[in-house]
Amino acid sequence: MTCNLHEIIRRYTLPVARQNEPVIHFLPKYYDRLLKELTDSAKAGFDDFPGPFYQKLEADIIPKMKDQCRLIAEVLEFDQARQYGKKFEKFDELMQMLRQYGALRYISTGDNTALVRIRKGEGPYERKNLFHIPYHLRASASAQRFSIPGTPALYLSIYPGIKLLSEDAPELSWIECGMPRVYHVCLFQPQQKLNFLHLAKKGTIYLWEYDNANCEERKEDRMEAIEQYLLTLPLRIACFIGIEDRFSGSSVYYYEEYVIYQLLTEWIQPDRGFRCRQWI
């Protein structure tokens, strides 16, 4: 059955479960299924979005998504072949393509921005224990979703527009962390403006904002955001593949699900103007 765009975005929500199939085999099939449904939807036409948007979906957005899916598949092939230089070059080509499309969205810290770190457990933790692993202990930094083994990373929740000492920021971060019974919290205030690559908002939120827009200008703005979301959806999918039966020890392990995540972490450097943001 052919579905409208609302239904497709809701169904292809993140994270994605690959059910123990190798990522290099899973992703191309998943992409093919998504692209076919989008193509069928664009050809059928529905009334949940204006007709011109569906026309643009077929003529412009889907072809660009196909190019990205091809590049991501090539990145995984280079990784499997241990051609790491070519892997990064291909990933850079993908990100430059997204930049050219104007698909990368970012948020910036301002005067009223709270950064929150929560660590579960009784501790006791000193202030330094709520920062990242010290560099002299970098061998303890294991592979994480957006962390490279041996490179300590600090995971923070970011809340633009919320003052540092507001009670809202720790509470929101606590909810994002699964509402642990025992935890320690630390608040950070950036000393300079920081830009974060914004991959945090789910497609269903963009849909809700579009459906509940109270004026045409706002509706057009949210439609543009949905277009950008679709243009980055192949990357988002590759960055949010769930891991089944993940080993919970502290040793460094290789996870094929982390290939694209960690390339993104390497690609995002201050000279490119971005940090990275994800949801927990």
C-alpha atoms as a PDB file:
ATOM      1  CA  MET A   1       0.000   0.000   0.000  1.00  0.00           C
ATOM      2  CA  THR A   2       1.308   3.440  -0.921  1.00  0.00           C
ATOM      3  CA  CYS A   3       1.600   5.788   2.057  1.00  0.00           C
ATOM      4  CA  ASN A   4       1.768   9.551   2.340  1.00  0.00           C
ATOM      5  CA  LEU A   5       4.888  11.343   3.511  1.00  0.00           C
ATOM      6  CA  HIS A   6       3.624  11.736   7.076  1.00  0.00           C
ATOM      7  CA  GLU A   7       3.193   7.976   7.406  1.00  0.00           C
ATOM      8  CA  ILE A   8       6.603   7.212   5.883  1.00  0.00           C
ATOM      9  CA  ILE A   9       8.483   9.602   8.172  1.00  0.00           C
ATOM     10  CA  ARG A  10       6.698   8.171  11.202  1.00  0.00           C
ATOM     11  CA  ARG A  11       7.501   4.591  10.180  1.00  0.00           C
ATOM     12  CA  TYR A  12      11.175   5.233   9.442  1.00  0.00           C
ATOM     13  CA  THR A  13      11.832   6.627  12.903  1.00  0.00           C
ATOM     14  CA  LEU A  14      15.162   6.370  14.695  1.00  0.00           C
ATOM     15  CA  PRO A  15      17.014   4.451  16.011  1.00  0.00           C
ATOM     16  CA  VAL A  16      16.961   1.601  13.478  1.00  0.00           C
ATOM     17  CA  ALA A  17      17.125  -2.094  14.409  1.00  0.00           C
ATOM     18  CA  ARG A  18      19.242  -4.186  12.037  1.00  0.00           C
ATOM     19  CA  GLN A  19      18.434  -7.548  13.712  1.00  0.00           C
ATOM     20  CA  ASN A  20      22.024  -8.861  13.668  1.00  0.00           C
ATOM     21  CA  GLU A  21      22.426  -8.494   9.897  1.00  0.00           C
ATOM     22  CA  PRO A  22      25.821  -6.994   8.929  1.00  0.00           C
ATOM     23  CA  VAL A  23      25.495  -3.227   8.509  1.00  0.00           C
ATOM     24  CA  ILE A  24      27.136  -3.318   5.067  1.00  0.00           C
ATOM     25  CA  HIS A  25      24.280  -5.593   3.868  1.00  0.00           C
ATOM     26  CA  PHE A  26      21.487  -4.125   5.977  1.00  0.00           C
ATOM     27  CA  LEU A  27      21.814  -0.444   5.068  1.00  0.00           C
ATOM     28  CA  PRO A  28      21.540  -0.717   1.236  1.00  0.00           C
ATOM     29  CA  LYS A  29      18.372  -2.810   1.541  1.00  0.00           C
ATOM     30  CA  TYR A  30      16.924  -0.437   4.120  1.00  0.00           C
ATOM     31  CA  TYR A  31      17.705   2.544   1.902  1.00  0.00           C
ATOM     32  CA  ASP A  32      16.182   0.840  -1.156  1.00  0.00           C
ATOM     33  CA  ARG A  33      12.966   0.185   0.743  1.00  0.00           C
ATOM     34  CA  LEU A  34      12.774   3.775   2.014  1.00  0.00           C
ATOM     35  CA  LEU A  35      13.492   5.288  -1.406  1.00  0.00           C
ATOM     36  CA  LYS A  36      10.923   3.074  -3.119  1.00  0.00           C
ATOM     37  CA  GLU A  37       8.229   4.116  -0.646  1.00  0.00           C
ATOM     38  CA  LEU A  38       9.133   7.780  -1.072  1.00  0.00           C
ATOM     39  CA  THR A  39       9.077   7.438  -4.871  1.00  0.00           C
ATOM     40  CA  ASP A  40       5.692   5.682  -4.847  1.00  0.00           C
ATOM     41  CA  SER A  41       4.330   8.341  -2.513  1.00  0.00           C
ATOM     42  CA  ALA A  42       5.623  11.179  -4.702  1.00  0.00           C
ATOM     43  CA  LYS A  43       4.068   9.657  -7.837  1.00  0.00           C
ATOM     44  CA  ALA A  44       0.717   9.053  -6.128  1.00  0.00           C
ATOM     45  CA  GLY A  45       0.426  12.504  -4.600  1.00  0.00           C
ATOM     46  CA  PHE A  46      -1.391  13.145  -1.330  1.00  0.00           C
ATOM     47  CA  ASP A  47      -2.944  16.115   0.408  1.00  0.00           C
ATOM     48  CA  ASP A  48      -0.851  16.108   3.619  1.00  0.00           C
ATOM     49  CA  PHE A  49       1.614  18.435   1.826  1.00  0.00           C
ATOM     50  CA  PRO A  50       1.059  20.819  -1.094  1.00  0.00           C
ATOM     51  CA  GLY A  51       1.396  19.287  -4.553  1.00  0.00           C
ATOM     52  CA  PRO A  52       4.571  21.251  -5.422  1.00  0.00           C
ATOM     53  CA  PHE A  53       6.333  19.718  -2.421  1.00  0.00           C
ATOM     54  CA  TYR A  54       5.594  16.196  -3.675  1.00  0.00           C
ATOM     55  CA  GLN A  55       6.823  17.252  -7.122  1.00  0.00           C
ATOM     56  CA  LYS A  56      10.064  18.519  -5.595  1.00  0.00           C
ATOM     57  CA  LEU A  57      10.336  15.300  -3.593  1.00  0.00           C
ATOM     58  CA  GLU A  58      10.330  13.248  -6.803  1.00  0.00           C
ATOM     59  CA  ALA A  59      12.419  15.549  -8.999  1.00  0.00           C
ATOM     60  CA  ASP A  60      15.015  16.828  -6.538  1.00  0.00           C
ATOM     61  CA  ILE A  61      15.003  15.411  -2.984  1.00  0.00           C
ATOM     62  CA  ILE A  62      14.894  11.676  -3.776  1.00  0.00           C
ATOM     63  CA  PRO A  63      17.721  11.826  -6.384  1.00  0.00           C
ATOM     64  CA  LYS A  64      19.906  13.649  -3.837  1.00  0.00           C
ATOM     65  CA  MET A  65      19.055  11.052  -1.196  1.00  0.00           C
ATOM     66  CA  LYS A  66      20.045   8.289  -3.648  1.00  0.00           C
ATOM     67  CA  ASP A  67      23.453   9.933  -4.141  1.00  0.00           C
ATOM     68  CA  GLN A  68      23.993   9.959  -0.382  1.00  0.00           C
ATOM     69  CA  CYS A  69      22.941   6.336   0.022  1.00  0.00           C
ATOM     70  CA  ARG A  70      25.465   5.366  -2.661  1.00  0.00           C
ATOM     71  CA  LEU A  71      28.264   7.287  -0.945  1.00  0.00           C
ATOM     72  CA  ILE A  72      27.491   5.759   2.461  1.00  0.00           C
ATOM     73  CA  ALA A  73      27.552   2.272   0.921  1.00  0.00           C
ATOM     74  CA  GLU A  74      30.957   3.067  -0.614  1.00  0.00           C
ATOM     75  CA  VAL A  75      32.238   4.298   2.765  1.00  0.00           C
ATOM     76  CA  LEU A  76      31.291   0.956   4.330  1.00  0.00           C
ATOM     77  CA  GLU A  77      32.952  -0.949   1.491  1.00  0.00           C
ATOM     78  CA  PHE A  78      36.201   1.003   1.946  1.00  0.00           C
ATOM     79  CA  ASP A  79      36.018   0.347   5.688  1.00  0.00           C
ATOM     80  CA  GLN A  80      35.637  -3.383   5.126  1.00  0.00           C
ATOM     81  CA  ALA A  81      38.548  -3.311   2.658  1.00  0.00           C
ATOM     82  CA  ARG A  82      40.639  -1.386   5.254  1.00  0.00           C
ATOM     83  CA  GLN A  83      41.175   1.485   2.842  1.00  0.00           C
ATOM     84  CA  TYR A  84      40.851   4.089   5.557  1.00  0.00           C
ATOM     85  CA  GLY A  85      42.141   7.068   3.558  1.00  0.00           C
ATOM     86  CA  LYS A  86      39.612   6.463   0.780  1.00  0.00           C
ATOM     87  CA  LYS A  87      36.911   5.882   3.396  1.00  0.00           C
ATOM     88  CA  PHE A  88      37.402   9.329   4.894  1.00  0.00           C
ATOM     89  CA  GLU A  89      37.659  10.973   1.457  1.00  0.00           C
ATOM     90  CA  LYS A  90      34.337   9.432   0.472  1.00  0.00           C
ATOM     91  CA  PHE A  91      32.744  10.540   3.736  1.00  0.00           C
ATOM     92  CA  ASP A  92      34.059  14.075   3.219  1.00  0.00           C
ATOM     93  CA  GLU A  93      32.466  14.019  -0.249  1.00  0.00           C
ATOM     94  CA  LEU A  94      29.160  13.104   1.411  1.00  0.00           C
ATOM     95  CA  MET A  95      29.364  15.938   3.953  1.00  0.00           C
ATOM     96  CA  GLN A  96      30.429  18.507   1.364  1.00  0.00           C
ATOM     97  CA  MET A  97      27.428  17.418  -0.714  1.00  0.00           C
ATOM     98  CA  LEU A  98      25.107  18.025   2.244  1.00  0.00           C
ATOM     99  CA  ARG A  99      26.676  21.426   2.784  1.00  0.00           C
ATOM    100  CA  GLN A 100      26.152  22.296  -0.860  1.00  0.00           C
ATOM    101  CA  TYR A 101      22.482  21.316  -0.550  1.00  0.00           C
ATOM    102  CA  GLY A 102      22.120  23.555   2.520  1.00  0.00           C
ATOM    103  CA  ALA A 103      20.862  20.526   4.423  1.00  0.00           C
ATOM    104  CA  LEU A 104      23.076  20.838   7.526  1.00  0.00           C
ATOM    105  CA  ARG A 105      21.295  22.552  10.386  1.00  0.00           C
ATOM    106  CA  TYR A 106      23.030  23.813  13.495  1.00  0.00           C
ATOM    107  CA  ILE A 107      22.312  25.499  16.795  1.00  0.00           C
ATOM    108  CA  SER A 108      24.543  27.951  18.615  1.00  0.00           C
ATOM    109  CA  THR A 109      25.200  28.634  22.268  1.00  0.00           C
ATOM    110  CA  GLY A 110      24.391  32.115  23.479  1.00  0.00           C
ATOM    111  CA  ASP A 111      24.271  33.997  26.750  1.00  0.00           C
ATOM    112  CA  ASN A 112      21.407  31.831  27.990  1.00  0.00           C
ATOM    113  CA  THR A 113      22.645  28.320  27.285  1.00  0.00           C
ATOM    114  CA  ALA A 114      22.898  25.489  29.795  1.00  0.00           C
ATOM    115  CA  LEU A 115      25.171  22.504  29.229  1.00  0.00           C
ATOM    116  CA  VAL A 116      24.452  19.594  31.551  1.00  0.00           C
ATOM    117  CA  ARG A 117      26.405  16.452  32.422  1.00  0.00           C
ATOM    118  CA  ILE A 118      24.760  13.631  34.386  1.00  0.00           C
ATOM    119  CA  ARG A 119      26.618  10.601  35.676  1.00  0.00           C
ATOM    120  CA  LYS A 120      24.618   7.701  37.040  1.00  0.00           C
ATOM    121  CA  GLY A 121      25.585   5.961  40.266  1.00  0.00           C
ATOM    122  CA  GLU A 122      26.410   6.766  43.879  1.00  0.00           C
ATOM    123  CA  GLY A 123      30.020   7.827  43.371  1.00  0.00           C
ATOM    124  CA  PRO A 124      31.142   9.784  45.291  1.00  0.00           C
ATOM    125  CA  TYR A 125      32.375  11.857  42.359  1.00  0.00           C
ATOM    126  CA  GLU A 126      34.605  14.874  42.626  1.00  0.00           C
ATOM    127  CA  ARG A 127      34.246  17.726  40.158  1.00  0.00           C
ATOM    128  CA  LYS A 128      36.931  16.272  37.853  1.00  0.00           C
ATOM    129  CA  ASN A 129      35.041  12.949  37.698  1.00  0.00           C
ATOM    130  CA  LEU A 130      32.175  14.732  35.947  1.00  0.00           C
ATOM    131  CA  PHE A 131      34.393  15.838  33.069  1.00  0.00           C
ATOM    132  CA  HIS A 132      35.764  13.570  30.331  1.00  0.00           C
ATOM    133  CA  ILE A 133      38.431  10.921  30.980  1.00  0.00           C
ATOM    134  CA  PRO A 134      41.830  12.629  31.574  1.00  0.00           C
ATOM    135  CA  TYR A 135      44.149  12.471  28.580  1.00  0.00           C
ATOM    136  CA  HIS A 136      46.788  10.574  30.541  1.00  0.00           C
ATOM    137  CA  LEU A 137      44.164   7.811  30.915  1.00  0.00           C
ATOM    138  CA  ARG A 138      43.054   8.001  27.286  1.00  0.00           C
ATOM    139  CA  ALA A 139      43.567   4.243  26.860  1.00  0.00           C
ATOM    140  CA  SER A 140      40.405   3.833  28.949  1.00  0.00           C
ATOM    141  CA  ALA A 141      38.300   5.792  26.436  1.00  0.00           C
ATOM    142  CA  SER A 142      36.329   3.091  24.647  1.00  0.00           C
ATOM    143  CA  ALA A 143      34.258   3.120  21.469  1.00  0.00           C
ATOM    144  CA  GLN A 144      30.956   4.935  21.912  1.00  0.00           C
ATOM    145  CA  ARG A 145      28.325   6.223  19.515  1.00  0.00           C
ATOM    146  CA  PHE A 146      30.166   9.461  18.756  1.00  0.00           C
ATOM    147  CA  SER A 147      33.480   8.680  20.448  1.00  0.00           C
ATOM    148  CA  ILE A 148      36.675   7.318  18.946  1.00  0.00           C
ATOM    149  CA  PRO A 149      38.660   4.786  21.035  1.00  0.00           C
ATOM    150  CA  GLY A 150      41.529   6.506  22.819  1.00  0.00           C
ATOM    151  CA  THR A 151      40.018   9.970  22.350  1.00  0.00           C
ATOM    152  CA  PRO A 152      38.209  11.177  25.488  1.00  0.00           C
ATOM    153  CA  ALA A 153      34.871  12.854  24.739  1.00  0.00           C
ATOM    154  CA  LEU A 154      32.504  14.808  26.943  1.00  0.00           C
ATOM    155  CA  TYR A 155      28.796  14.053  26.445  1.00  0.00           C
ATOM    156  CA  LEU A 156      26.562  16.965  27.407  1.00  0.00           C
ATOM    157  CA  SER A 157      22.930  17.911  27.062  1.00  0.00           C
ATOM    158  CA  ILE A 158      22.502  21.379  25.580  1.00  0.00           C
ATOM    159  CA  TYR A 159      19.533  23.674  26.176  1.00  0.00           C
ATOM    160  CA  PRO A 160      19.692  27.001  24.286  1.00  0.00           C
ATOM    161  CA  GLY A 161      17.572  29.689  25.874  1.00  0.00           C
ATOM    162  CA  ILE A 162      17.710  28.117  29.356  1.00  0.00           C
ATOM    163  CA  LYS A 163      19.808  29.974  31.921  1.00  0.00           C
ATOM    164  CA  LEU A 164      22.641  28.052  33.561  1.00  0.00           C
ATOM    165  CA  LEU A 165      21.160  27.874  37.061  1.00  0.00           C
ATOM    166  CA  SER A 166      17.613  27.204  35.930  1.00  0.00           C
ATOM    167  CA  GLU A 167      16.013  24.101  37.441  1.00  0.00           C
ATOM    168  CA  ASP A 168      14.679  23.137  33.996  1.00  0.00           C
ATOM    169  CA  ALA A 169      18.044  22.107  32.514  1.00  0.00           C
ATOM    170  CA  PRO A 170      19.017  19.409  35.067  1.00  0.00           C
ATOM    171  CA  GLU A 171      15.460  18.066  35.057  1.00  0.00           C
ATOM    172  CA  LEU A 172      15.336  17.792  31.262  1.00  0.00           C
ATOM    173  CA  SER A 173      18.764  16.125  31.192  1.00  0.00           C
ATOM    174  CA  TRP A 174      17.666  13.703  33.935  1.00  0.00           C
ATOM    175  CA  ILE A 175      14.651  12.725  31.818  1.00  0.00           C
ATOM    176  CA  GLU A 176      16.859  12.235  28.724  1.00  0.00           C
ATOM    177  CA  CYS A 177      19.132   9.931  30.757  1.00  0.00           C
ATOM    178  CA  GLY A 178      16.235   7.643  31.671  1.00  0.00           C
ATOM    179  CA  MET A 179      15.435   9.239  35.057  1.00  0.00           C
ATOM    180  CA  PRO A 180      18.078   7.381  37.118  1.00  0.00           C
ATOM    181  CA  ARG A 181      17.305   6.985  40.832  1.00  0.00           C
ATOM    182  CA  VAL A 182      20.831   7.942  41.928  1.00  0.00           C
ATOM    183  CA  TYR A 183      22.972  10.356  39.916  1.00  0.00           C
ATOM    184  CA  HIS A 184      25.355  13.304  40.022  1.00  0.00           C
ATOM    185  CA  VAL A 185      24.843  16.418  37.921  1.00  0.00           C
ATOM    186  CA  CYS A 186      27.213  19.153  36.776  1.00  0.00           C
ATOM    187  CA  LEU A 187      26.367  22.377  34.930  1.00  0.00           C
ATOM    188  CA  PHE A 188      28.677  23.981  32.379  1.00  0.00           C
ATOM    189  CA  GLN A 189      28.622  27.426  30.816  1.00  0.00           C
ATOM    190  CA  PRO A 190      30.500  27.900  27.503  1.00  0.00           C
ATOM    191  CA  GLN A 191      33.090  30.670  27.537  1.00  0.00           C
ATOM    192  CA  GLN A 192      32.714  31.274  23.806  1.00  0.00           C
ATOM    193  CA  LYS A 193      30.079  30.787  21.134  1.00  0.00           C
ATOM    194  CA  LEU A 194      29.854  27.182  19.942  1.00  0.00           C
ATOM    195  CA  ASN A 195      28.040  25.816  16.889  1.00  0.00           C
ATOM    196  CA  PHE A 196      26.582  22.306  17.080  1.00  0.00           C
ATOM    197  CA  LEU A 197      25.591  20.152  14.135  1.00  0.00           C
ATOM    198  CA  HIS A 198      21.935  19.477  14.869  1.00  0.00           C
ATOM    199  CA  LEU A 199      20.866  15.850  14.371  1.00  0.00           C
ATOM    200  CA  ALA A 200      18.765  15.705  17.520  1.00  0.00           C
ATOM    201  CA  LYS A 201      15.229  16.416  16.380  1.00  0.00           C
ATOM    202  CA  LYS A 202      13.144  13.470  15.218  1.00  0.00           C
ATOM    203  CA  GLY A 203      11.107  13.562  12.033  1.00  0.00           C
ATOM    204  CA  THR A 204       7.875  13.235  13.985  1.00  0.00           C
ATOM    205  CA  ILE A 205       8.651  16.525  15.764  1.00  0.00           C
ATOM    206  CA  TYR A 206       9.119  18.310  12.426  1.00  0.00           C
ATOM    207  CA  LEU A 207       5.760  16.887  11.305  1.00  0.00           C
ATOM    208  CA  TRP A 208       4.054  18.097  14.483  1.00  0.00           C
ATOM    209  CA  GLU A 209       5.518  21.588  14.049  1.00  0.00           C
ATOM    210  CA  TYR A 210       4.322  21.689  10.444  1.00  0.00           C
ATOM    211  CA  ASP A 211       0.835  20.419  11.225  1.00  0.00           C
ATOM    212  CA  ASN A 212       0.407  22.886  14.100  1.00  0.00           C
ATOM    213  CA  ALA A 213       1.909  25.949  12.406  1.00  0.00           C
ATOM    214  CA  ASN A 214      -0.381  28.932  12.998  1.00  0.00           C
ATOM    215  CA  CYS A 215       0.490  30.925   9.881  1.00  0.00           C
ATOM    216  CA  GLU A 216       1.616  30.323   6.303  1.00  0.00           C
ATOM    217  CA  GLU A 217       5.075  31.766   6.910  1.00  0.00           C
ATOM    218  CA  ARG A 218       5.647  29.342   9.793  1.00  0.00           C
ATOM    219  CA  LYS A 219       4.266  26.469   7.731  1.00  0.00           C
ATOM    220  CA  GLU A 220       6.662  27.213   4.860  1.00  0.00           C
ATOM    221  CA  ASP A 221       9.559  27.404   7.316  1.00  0.00           C
ATOM    222  CA  ARG A 222       8.668  23.989   8.785  1.00  0.00           C
ATOM    223  CA  MET A 223       8.257  22.556   5.273  1.00  0.00           C
ATOM    224  CA  GLU A 224      11.801  23.689   4.495  1.00  0.00           C
ATOM    225  CA  ALA A 225      12.973  22.016   7.723  1.00  0.00           C
ATOM    226  CA  ILE A 226      11.281  18.757   6.658  1.00  0.00           C
ATOM    227  CA  GLU A 227      13.072  18.970   3.314  1.00  0.00           C
ATOM    228  CA  GLN A 228      16.389  19.367   5.133  1.00  0.00           C
ATOM    229  CA  TYR A 229      15.472  16.461   7.386  1.00  0.00           C
ATOM    230  CA  LEU A 230      14.824  14.209   4.389  1.00  0.00           C
ATOM    231  CA  LEU A 231      18.086  15.311   2.756  1.00  0.00           C
ATOM    232  CA  THR A 232      19.996  14.220   5.862  1.00  0.00           C
ATOM    233  CA  LEU A 233      17.894  11.127   6.578  1.00  0.00           C
ATOM    234  CA  PRO A 234      20.373   8.641   5.000  1.00  0.00           C
ATOM    235  CA  LEU A 235      23.122  10.037   7.248  1.00  0.00           C
ATOM    236  CA  ARG A 236      20.846  10.035  10.298  1.00  0.00           C
ATOM    237  CA  ILE A 237      19.888   6.422   9.663  1.00  0.00           C
ATOM    238  CA  ALA A 238      23.539   5.393   9.348  1.00  0.00           C
ATOM    239  CA  CYS A 239      24.327   7.256  12.588  1.00  0.00           C
ATOM    240  CA  PHE A 240      21.522   5.726  14.636  1.00  0.00           C
ATOM    241  CA  ILE A 241      21.642   1.990  14.086  1.00  0.00           C
ATOM    242  CA  GLY A 242      20.933   0.264  17.374  1.00  0.00           C
ATOM    243  CA  ILE A 243      23.374  -2.252  18.826  1.00  0.00           C
ATOM    244  CA  GLU A 244      21.969  -5.530  20.076  1.00  0.00           C
ATOM    245  CA  ASP A 245      23.632  -7.335  23.010  1.00  0.00           C
ATOM    246  CA  ARG A 246      26.323  -4.686  23.340  1.00  0.00           C
ATOM    247  CA  PHE A 247      29.117  -5.751  25.686  1.00  0.00           C
ATOM    248  CA  SER A 248      28.987  -3.544  28.768  1.00  0.00           C
ATOM    249  CA  GLY A 249      32.651  -3.811  29.845  1.00  0.00           C
ATOM    250  CA  SER A 250      35.179  -0.992  29.708  1.00  0.00           C
ATOM    251  CA  SER A 251      37.526  -2.459  27.080  1.00  0.00           C
ATOM    252  CA  VAL A 252      37.784  -0.935  23.626  1.00  0.00           C
ATOM    253  CA  TYR A 253      35.895  -2.915  20.992  1.00  0.00           C
ATOM    254  CA  TYR A 254      35.106  -2.389  17.327  1.00  0.00           C
ATOM    255  CA  TYR A 255      31.452  -1.965  16.417  1.00  0.00           C
ATOM    256  CA  GLU A 256      30.518  -1.832  12.763  1.00  0.00           C
ATOM    257  CA  GLU A 257      27.498   0.271  13.757  1.00  0.00           C
ATOM    258  CA  TYR A 258      29.935   2.998  14.822  1.00  0.00           C
ATOM    259  CA  VAL A 259      31.765   3.431  11.487  1.00  0.00           C
ATOM    260  CA  ILE A 260      29.668   6.378  10.282  1.00  0.00           C
ATOM    261  CA  TYR A 261      29.274   7.834  13.795  1.00  0.00           C
ATOM    262  CA  GLN A 262      33.003   8.026  14.331  1.00  0.00           C
ATOM    263  CA  LEU A 263      33.727   9.370  10.854  1.00  0.00           C
ATOM    264  CA  LEU A 264      31.306  12.187  11.650  1.00  0.00           C
ATOM    265  CA  THR A 265      33.181  12.854  14.889  1.00  0.00           C
ATOM    266  CA  GLU A 266      36.473  13.008  12.971  1.00  0.00           C
ATOM    267  CA  TRP A 267      34.985  15.224  10.266  1.00  0.00           C
ATOM    268  CA  ILE A 268      33.525  17.728  12.725  1.00  0.00           C
ATOM    269  CA  GLN A 269      36.415  19.915  13.824  1.00  0.00           C
ATOM    270  CA  PRO A 270      36.492  23.548  15.017  1.00  0.00           C
ATOM    271  CA  ASP A 271      37.909  24.709  11.675  1.00  0.00           C
ATOM    272  CA  ARG A 272      34.718  23.478  10.015  1.00  0.00           C
ATOM    273  CA  GLY A 273      32.666  25.533  12.468  1.00  0.00           C
ATOM    274  CA  PHE A 274      30.781  22.677  14.131  1.00  0.00           C
ATOM    275  CA  ARG A 275      30.582  20.522  17.224  1.00  0.00           C
ATOM    276  CA  CYS A 276      28.122  17.625  17.271  1.00  0.00           C
ATOM    277  CA  ARG A 277      24.865  17.134  19.108  1.00  0.00           C
ATOM    278  CA  GLN A 278      22.890  13.920  19.497  1.00  0.00           C
ATOM    279  CA  TRP A 279      20.007  12.745  21.632  1.00  0.00           C
ATOM    280  CA  ILE A 280      20.673  10.272  24.424  1.00  0.00           C
END
